[in-house]
């Protein structure tokens, strides 16, 4: 589980999102970062049991920075009020589908799949789905999958058939996605529950067949 002090720090940061406050509370940030890093490393070890491609991955290569990129944003808050990690073969910068964990008071979630892949990889995924739609539907329609995820997220989904694909194909709706991602929310209570690793691991295990399909199709 994550320590309550980590959530307390993130909540305080959200209310005091400025450099002076952050520097004055650097010790609390360091403690929260260590707590989250240790948790992510435990998750990597646990995921490696059923997904060998994750074995040997280090948490430091999966964690996202607390600093925000404010160059093109109207919100100039210098820090994120969350901590996130993408556990995937090659680390957070890899294009491969993986396992994402997002810790944020009132907004925590886990996610997985492939977010906004490059055009050639997205095309390959779409072609594989239409080549064997039954196989893809079996993955996202399985009992274990649906126990944790309500379905693929609709963010950025096209209203019409992608260029080069037959709009009359009976399974065309399956390839209108720009991202093949699923999300499951986590309550603050669950974040600090002793069964956090166990519960998240169960949801990630149900996600693996989707990741395997996407990675094989995209060649990553």
C-alpha atoms as a PDB file:
ATOM      1  CA  UNK A   1       0.000   0.000   0.000  1.00  0.00           C
ATOM      2  CA  UNK A   2       0.967   3.657  -0.236  1.00  0.00           C
ATOM      3  CA  UNK A   3       1.527   5.561   2.982  1.00  0.00           C
ATOM      4  CA  UNK A   4      -1.171   8.076   4.004  1.00  0.00           C
ATOM      5  CA  UNK A   5       1.617  10.657   4.273  1.00  0.00           C
ATOM      6  CA  UNK A   6       2.171  10.391   0.507  1.00  0.00           C
ATOM      7  CA  UNK A   7      -1.443  11.287  -0.255  1.00  0.00           C
ATOM      8  CA  UNK A   8      -1.297  14.022   2.375  1.00  0.00           C
ATOM      9  CA  UNK A   9       1.703  15.559   0.623  1.00  0.00           C
ATOM     10  CA  UNK A  10       0.025  15.433  -2.807  1.00  0.00           C
ATOM     11  CA  UNK A  11      -3.125  17.057  -1.381  1.00  0.00           C
ATOM     12  CA  UNK A  12      -1.057  19.832   0.200  1.00  0.00           C
ATOM     13  CA  UNK A  13       0.892  20.336  -3.025  1.00  0.00           C
ATOM     14  CA  UNK A  14      -2.328  20.819  -4.962  1.00  0.00           C
ATOM     15  CA  UNK A  15      -3.274  23.659  -2.608  1.00  0.00           C
ATOM     16  CA  UNK A  16       0.213  25.179  -2.540  1.00  0.00           C
ATOM     17  CA  UNK A  17       1.488  24.652  -6.053  1.00  0.00           C
ATOM     18  CA  UNK A  18       4.436  27.037  -6.081  1.00  0.00           C
ATOM     19  CA  UNK A  19       8.215  26.691  -5.972  1.00  0.00           C
ATOM     20  CA  UNK A  20       8.724  28.322  -2.550  1.00  0.00           C
ATOM     21  CA  UNK A  21       6.302  25.949  -0.828  1.00  0.00           C
ATOM     22  CA  UNK A  22       7.747  22.946  -2.652  1.00  0.00           C
ATOM     23  CA  UNK A  23      11.315  23.769  -1.634  1.00  0.00           C
ATOM     24  CA  UNK A  24      10.243  24.377   1.955  1.00  0.00           C
ATOM     25  CA  UNK A  25       8.617  20.924   2.000  1.00  0.00           C
ATOM     26  CA  UNK A  26      11.274  19.105  -0.039  1.00  0.00           C
ATOM     27  CA  UNK A  27      11.824  16.582   2.750  1.00  0.00           C
ATOM     28  CA  UNK A  28       8.162  15.518   2.566  1.00  0.00           C
ATOM     29  CA  UNK A  29       8.387  15.261  -1.215  1.00  0.00           C
ATOM     30  CA  UNK A  30      11.477  13.063  -0.992  1.00  0.00           C
ATOM     31  CA  UNK A  31       9.682  10.749   1.453  1.00  0.00           C
ATOM     32  CA  UNK A  32       6.590  10.569  -0.792  1.00  0.00           C
ATOM     33  CA  UNK A  33       8.707   9.896  -3.876  1.00  0.00           C
ATOM     34  CA  UNK A  34      10.566   7.081  -2.103  1.00  0.00           C
ATOM     35  CA  UNK A  35       7.288   5.554  -0.951  1.00  0.00           C
ATOM     36  CA  UNK A  36       5.872   5.637  -4.489  1.00  0.00           C
ATOM     37  CA  UNK A  37       9.111   4.331  -6.002  1.00  0.00           C
ATOM     38  CA  UNK A  38       9.202   1.413  -3.570  1.00  0.00           C
ATOM     39  CA  UNK A  39       5.575   0.604  -4.387  1.00  0.00           C
ATOM     40  CA  UNK A  40       6.237   0.672  -8.139  1.00  0.00           C
ATOM     41  CA  UNK A  41       9.226  -1.631  -7.722  1.00  0.00           C
ATOM     42  CA  UNK A  42       7.016  -4.109  -5.846  1.00  0.00           C
ATOM     43  CA  UNK A  43       4.502  -3.910  -8.674  1.00  0.00           C
ATOM     44  CA  UNK A  44       7.207  -4.586 -11.268  1.00  0.00           C
ATOM     45  CA  UNK A  45       8.354  -7.654  -9.357  1.00  0.00           C
ATOM     46  CA  UNK A  46       4.770  -8.905  -9.083  1.00  0.00           C
ATOM     47  CA  UNK A  47       3.886  -8.232 -12.737  1.00  0.00           C
ATOM     48  CA  UNK A  48       7.042 -10.046 -13.823  1.00  0.00           C
ATOM     49  CA  UNK A  49       5.560 -13.293 -12.523  1.00  0.00           C
ATOM     50  CA  UNK A  50       3.005 -13.359 -15.366  1.00  0.00           C
ATOM     51  CA  UNK A  51       4.646 -10.944 -17.835  1.00  0.00           C
ATOM     52  CA  UNK A  52       8.305 -11.849 -18.302  1.00  0.00           C
ATOM     53  CA  UNK A  53       8.939  -8.824 -20.524  1.00  0.00           C
ATOM     54  CA  UNK A  54       8.701  -6.628 -17.421  1.00  0.00           C
ATOM     55  CA  UNK A  55      11.358  -8.591 -15.510  1.00  0.00           C
ATOM     56  CA  UNK A  56      14.451  -6.586 -14.620  1.00  0.00           C
ATOM     57  CA  UNK A  57      12.737  -3.232 -15.120  1.00  0.00           C
ATOM     58  CA  UNK A  58      13.718  -0.556 -12.601  1.00  0.00           C
ATOM     59  CA  UNK A  59      11.133   1.754 -11.068  1.00  0.00           C
ATOM     60  CA  UNK A  60      13.255   4.839 -11.778  1.00  0.00           C
ATOM     61  CA  UNK A  61      12.850   4.177 -15.515  1.00  0.00           C
ATOM     62  CA  UNK A  62       9.060   4.060 -15.205  1.00  0.00           C
ATOM     63  CA  UNK A  63       8.334   7.132 -13.066  1.00  0.00           C
ATOM     64  CA  UNK A  64       7.201  10.438 -14.539  1.00  0.00           C
ATOM     65  CA  UNK A  65       8.691  13.688 -13.263  1.00  0.00           C
ATOM     66  CA  UNK A  66       6.759  15.797 -10.750  1.00  0.00           C
ATOM     67  CA  UNK A  67       7.570  18.949 -12.752  1.00  0.00           C
ATOM     68  CA  UNK A  68       5.021  20.079 -15.319  1.00  0.00           C
ATOM     69  CA  UNK A  69       5.851  21.265 -18.823  1.00  0.00           C
ATOM     70  CA  UNK A  70       4.128  24.652 -18.798  1.00  0.00           C
ATOM     71  CA  UNK A  71       5.466  25.997 -22.105  1.00  0.00           C
ATOM     72  CA  UNK A  72       2.211  25.533 -24.004  1.00  0.00           C
ATOM     73  CA  UNK A  73      -0.235  25.578 -21.097  1.00  0.00           C
ATOM     74  CA  UNK A  74      -2.363  28.365 -19.669  1.00  0.00           C
ATOM     75  CA  UNK A  75      -1.950  26.709 -16.280  1.00  0.00           C
ATOM     76  CA  UNK A  76       1.510  27.714 -15.090  1.00  0.00           C
ATOM     77  CA  UNK A  77       1.466  25.585 -11.929  1.00  0.00           C
ATOM     78  CA  UNK A  78       5.017  24.201 -11.790  1.00  0.00           C
ATOM     79  CA  UNK A  79       4.199  20.787 -10.312  1.00  0.00           C
ATOM     80  CA  UNK A  80       1.835  17.875 -10.871  1.00  0.00           C
ATOM     81  CA  UNK A  81      -0.359  16.963  -7.902  1.00  0.00           C
ATOM     82  CA  UNK A  82       0.005  13.274  -8.752  1.00  0.00           C
ATOM     83  CA  UNK A  83       2.617  10.578  -9.187  1.00  0.00           C
ATOM     84  CA  UNK A  84       2.531   8.236 -12.143  1.00  0.00           C
ATOM     85  CA  UNK A  85       4.455   5.287 -13.509  1.00  0.00           C
ATOM     86  CA  UNK A  86       4.261   3.383 -16.796  1.00  0.00           C
ATOM     87  CA  UNK A  87       5.554  -0.147 -16.396  1.00  0.00           C
ATOM     88  CA  UNK A  88       6.264  -1.449 -19.858  1.00  0.00           C
ATOM     89  CA  UNK A  89       9.149  -3.199 -21.651  1.00  0.00           C
ATOM     90  CA  UNK A  90      11.870  -0.571 -22.075  1.00  0.00           C
ATOM     91  CA  UNK A  91      10.438   1.858 -19.545  1.00  0.00           C
ATOM     92  CA  UNK A  92       8.103   4.847 -19.726  1.00  0.00           C
ATOM     93  CA  UNK A  93       9.402   6.090 -23.113  1.00  0.00           C
ATOM     94  CA  UNK A  94       8.714   2.781 -24.846  1.00  0.00           C
ATOM     95  CA  UNK A  95       5.920   2.676 -27.460  1.00  0.00           C
ATOM     96  CA  UNK A  96       4.869  -0.753 -26.163  1.00  0.00           C
ATOM     97  CA  UNK A  97       1.563  -1.352 -24.402  1.00  0.00           C
ATOM     98  CA  UNK A  98       2.032  -1.682 -20.652  1.00  0.00           C
ATOM     99  CA  UNK A  99       0.678  -1.048 -17.180  1.00  0.00           C
ATOM    100  CA  UNK A 100       0.101   2.459 -15.822  1.00  0.00           C
ATOM    101  CA  UNK A 101      -0.459   3.485 -12.201  1.00  0.00           C
ATOM    102  CA  UNK A 102      -1.638   6.972 -11.230  1.00  0.00           C
ATOM    103  CA  UNK A 103      -1.660   8.090  -7.588  1.00  0.00           C
ATOM    104  CA  UNK A 104      -3.683  11.227  -6.923  1.00  0.00           C
ATOM    105  CA  UNK A 105      -6.019  12.047  -4.024  1.00  0.00           C
ATOM    106  CA  UNK A 106      -9.546  11.846  -5.391  1.00  0.00           C
ATOM    107  CA  UNK A 107      -8.355  10.889  -8.860  1.00  0.00           C
ATOM    108  CA  UNK A 108      -6.289   7.703  -8.694  1.00  0.00           C
ATOM    109  CA  UNK A 109      -6.571   5.057 -11.381  1.00  0.00           C
ATOM    110  CA  UNK A 110      -4.798   2.250 -13.160  1.00  0.00           C
ATOM    111  CA  UNK A 111      -4.697   1.925 -16.923  1.00  0.00           C
ATOM    112  CA  UNK A 112      -3.121  -0.059 -19.679  1.00  0.00           C
ATOM    113  CA  UNK A 113      -2.929  -0.667 -23.371  1.00  0.00           C
ATOM    114  CA  UNK A 114      -1.448   1.536 -26.078  1.00  0.00           C
ATOM    115  CA  UNK A 115      -1.938   5.320 -26.031  1.00  0.00           C
ATOM    116  CA  UNK A 116      -1.748   7.251 -29.317  1.00  0.00           C
ATOM    117  CA  UNK A 117       0.614   4.888 -31.182  1.00  0.00           C
ATOM    118  CA  UNK A 118       2.520   6.073 -34.239  1.00  0.00           C
ATOM    119  CA  UNK A 119       0.460   5.905 -37.482  1.00  0.00           C
ATOM    120  CA  UNK A 120       2.217   2.802 -38.807  1.00  0.00           C
ATOM    121  CA  UNK A 121       1.745   0.933 -35.532  1.00  0.00           C
ATOM    122  CA  UNK A 122      -1.895   2.035 -35.240  1.00  0.00           C
ATOM    123  CA  UNK A 123      -2.545   0.874 -38.810  1.00  0.00           C
ATOM    124  CA  UNK A 124      -0.983  -2.519 -38.036  1.00  0.00           C
ATOM    125  CA  UNK A 125      -3.162  -2.921 -34.929  1.00  0.00           C
ATOM    126  CA  UNK A 126      -6.296  -2.002 -36.851  1.00  0.00           C
ATOM    127  CA  UNK A 127      -5.468  -4.447 -39.647  1.00  0.00           C
ATOM    128  CA  UNK A 128      -4.903  -7.276 -37.178  1.00  0.00           C
ATOM    129  CA  UNK A 129      -8.188  -6.553 -35.432  1.00  0.00           C
ATOM    130  CA  UNK A 130     -10.121  -6.764 -38.699  1.00  0.00           C
ATOM    131  CA  UNK A 131      -8.172  -9.834 -39.785  1.00  0.00           C
ATOM    132  CA  UNK A 132      -9.494 -11.708 -36.733  1.00  0.00           C
ATOM    133  CA  UNK A 133     -12.152  -9.605 -34.969  1.00  0.00           C
ATOM    134  CA  UNK A 134     -13.389 -12.621 -33.008  1.00  0.00           C
ATOM    135  CA  UNK A 135      -9.996 -12.965 -31.296  1.00  0.00           C
ATOM    136  CA  UNK A 136      -9.970  -9.305 -30.305  1.00  0.00           C
ATOM    137  CA  UNK A 137     -13.569  -9.389 -29.098  1.00  0.00           C
ATOM    138  CA  UNK A 138     -12.776 -12.460 -27.021  1.00  0.00           C
ATOM    139  CA  UNK A 139     -10.071 -10.509 -25.190  1.00  0.00           C
ATOM    140  CA  UNK A 140     -12.125  -7.426 -24.345  1.00  0.00           C
ATOM    141  CA  UNK A 141     -15.248  -9.495 -23.740  1.00  0.00           C
ATOM    142  CA  UNK A 142     -13.760 -12.056 -21.374  1.00  0.00           C
ATOM    143  CA  UNK A 143     -15.265 -12.432 -17.910  1.00  0.00           C
ATOM    144  CA  UNK A 144     -11.995 -11.556 -16.179  1.00  0.00           C
ATOM    145  CA  UNK A 145     -11.432  -8.476 -18.346  1.00  0.00           C
ATOM    146  CA  UNK A 146     -14.957  -7.138 -17.835  1.00  0.00           C
ATOM    147  CA  UNK A 147     -14.646  -7.678 -14.082  1.00  0.00           C
ATOM    148  CA  UNK A 148     -12.192  -4.773 -14.005  1.00  0.00           C
ATOM    149  CA  UNK A 149     -12.763  -2.702 -17.156  1.00  0.00           C
ATOM    150  CA  UNK A 150     -15.934  -1.372 -18.740  1.00  0.00           C
ATOM    151  CA  UNK A 151     -14.326  -1.263 -22.177  1.00  0.00           C
ATOM    152  CA  UNK A 152     -11.923   0.774 -24.289  1.00  0.00           C
ATOM    153  CA  UNK A 153     -11.895   4.521 -23.618  1.00  0.00           C
ATOM    154  CA  UNK A 154     -13.575   6.631 -26.305  1.00  0.00           C
ATOM    155  CA  UNK A 155     -11.102   9.521 -26.104  1.00  0.00           C
ATOM    156  CA  UNK A 156     -10.308  10.665 -29.636  1.00  0.00           C
ATOM    157  CA  UNK A 157     -12.418   7.957 -31.240  1.00  0.00           C
ATOM    158  CA  UNK A 158     -13.224   8.637 -34.886  1.00  0.00           C
ATOM    159  CA  UNK A 159     -16.812   9.125 -36.011  1.00  0.00           C
ATOM    160  CA  UNK A 160     -16.137   7.577 -39.416  1.00  0.00           C
ATOM    161  CA  UNK A 161     -13.958   4.781 -40.769  1.00  0.00           C
ATOM    162  CA  UNK A 162     -10.189   5.421 -40.728  1.00  0.00           C
ATOM    163  CA  UNK A 163      -8.670   6.326 -44.090  1.00  0.00           C
ATOM    164  CA  UNK A 164      -8.016   3.214 -46.142  1.00  0.00           C
ATOM    165  CA  UNK A 165     -10.535   1.040 -44.286  1.00  0.00           C
ATOM    166  CA  UNK A 166     -13.874  -0.160 -45.646  1.00  0.00           C
ATOM    167  CA  UNK A 167     -16.660   1.715 -43.850  1.00  0.00           C
ATOM    168  CA  UNK A 168     -19.038  -1.137 -44.716  1.00  0.00           C
ATOM    169  CA  UNK A 169     -17.002  -3.683 -42.748  1.00  0.00           C
ATOM    170  CA  UNK A 170     -19.311  -5.040 -39.987  1.00  0.00           C
ATOM    171  CA  UNK A 171     -16.491  -4.670 -37.454  1.00  0.00           C
ATOM    172  CA  UNK A 172     -15.377  -1.194 -38.506  1.00  0.00           C
ATOM    173  CA  UNK A 173     -16.306   0.269 -35.116  1.00  0.00           C
ATOM    174  CA  UNK A 174     -13.436  -1.696 -33.555  1.00  0.00           C
ATOM    175  CA  UNK A 175     -10.844   0.260 -35.539  1.00  0.00           C
ATOM    176  CA  UNK A 176     -12.111   3.799 -35.020  1.00  0.00           C
ATOM    177  CA  UNK A 177      -9.994   4.180 -31.880  1.00  0.00           C
ATOM    178  CA  UNK A 178      -6.828   6.295 -31.929  1.00  0.00           C
ATOM    179  CA  UNK A 179      -5.763   4.714 -28.648  1.00  0.00           C
ATOM    180  CA  UNK A 180      -6.437   1.228 -27.326  1.00  0.00           C
ATOM    181  CA  UNK A 181      -6.590   2.011 -23.619  1.00  0.00           C
ATOM    182  CA  UNK A 182      -8.613   0.849 -20.618  1.00  0.00           C
ATOM    183  CA  UNK A 183      -8.957   2.590 -17.249  1.00  0.00           C
ATOM    184  CA  UNK A 184     -10.054   1.558 -13.762  1.00  0.00           C
ATOM    185  CA  UNK A 185     -10.554   4.086 -10.978  1.00  0.00           C
ATOM    186  CA  UNK A 186      -9.103   3.579  -7.488  1.00  0.00           C
ATOM    187  CA  UNK A 187     -10.459   5.195  -4.323  1.00  0.00           C
ATOM    188  CA  UNK A 188      -8.258   6.907  -1.740  1.00  0.00           C
ATOM    189  CA  UNK A 189      -9.193   4.163   0.691  1.00  0.00           C
ATOM    190  CA  UNK A 190      -7.933   1.504  -1.720  1.00  0.00           C
ATOM    191  CA  UNK A 191      -4.657   3.387  -2.205  1.00  0.00           C
ATOM    192  CA  UNK A 192      -3.742   2.954   1.465  1.00  0.00           C
ATOM    193  CA  UNK A 193      -5.225  -0.529   1.866  1.00  0.00           C
ATOM    194  CA  UNK A 194      -2.844  -3.388   2.628  1.00  0.00           C
ATOM    195  CA  UNK A 195      -4.307  -5.327  -0.318  1.00  0.00           C
ATOM    196  CA  UNK A 196      -3.463  -2.612  -2.864  1.00  0.00           C
ATOM    197  CA  UNK A 197      -0.736  -4.606  -4.629  1.00  0.00           C
ATOM    198  CA  UNK A 198      -2.879  -7.740  -4.706  1.00  0.00           C
ATOM    199  CA  UNK A 199      -5.929  -5.942  -6.120  1.00  0.00           C
ATOM    200  CA  UNK A 200      -3.993  -3.940  -8.715  1.00  0.00           C
ATOM    201  CA  UNK A 201      -2.080  -7.041  -9.747  1.00  0.00           C
ATOM    202  CA  UNK A 202      -5.340  -8.891 -10.404  1.00  0.00           C
ATOM    203  CA  UNK A 203      -6.549  -6.081 -12.661  1.00  0.00           C
ATOM    204  CA  UNK A 204      -3.214  -5.909 -14.486  1.00  0.00           C
ATOM    205  CA  UNK A 205      -3.222  -9.654 -15.046  1.00  0.00           C
ATOM    206  CA  UNK A 206      -6.632  -9.349 -16.715  1.00  0.00           C
ATOM    207  CA  UNK A 207      -5.120  -6.659 -18.941  1.00  0.00           C
ATOM    208  CA  UNK A 208      -2.171  -8.721 -20.201  1.00  0.00           C
ATOM    209  CA  UNK A 209      -3.983 -10.434 -23.153  1.00  0.00           C
ATOM    210  CA  UNK A 210      -4.866  -6.995 -24.555  1.00  0.00           C
ATOM    211  CA  UNK A 211      -1.274  -5.789 -24.150  1.00  0.00           C
ATOM    212  CA  UNK A 212       0.025  -8.961 -25.808  1.00  0.00           C
ATOM    213  CA  UNK A 213      -2.311  -8.512 -28.787  1.00  0.00           C
ATOM    214  CA  UNK A 214      -1.363  -4.848 -29.244  1.00  0.00           C
ATOM    215  CA  UNK A 215       2.374  -5.397 -28.883  1.00  0.00           C
ATOM    216  CA  UNK A 216       2.404  -8.301 -31.301  1.00  0.00           C
ATOM    217  CA  UNK A 217       0.362  -6.391 -33.860  1.00  0.00           C
ATOM    218  CA  UNK A 218       2.486  -3.243 -33.561  1.00  0.00           C
ATOM    219  CA  UNK A 219       5.726  -5.196 -33.555  1.00  0.00           C
ATOM    220  CA  UNK A 220       7.013  -3.784 -30.260  1.00  0.00           C
END
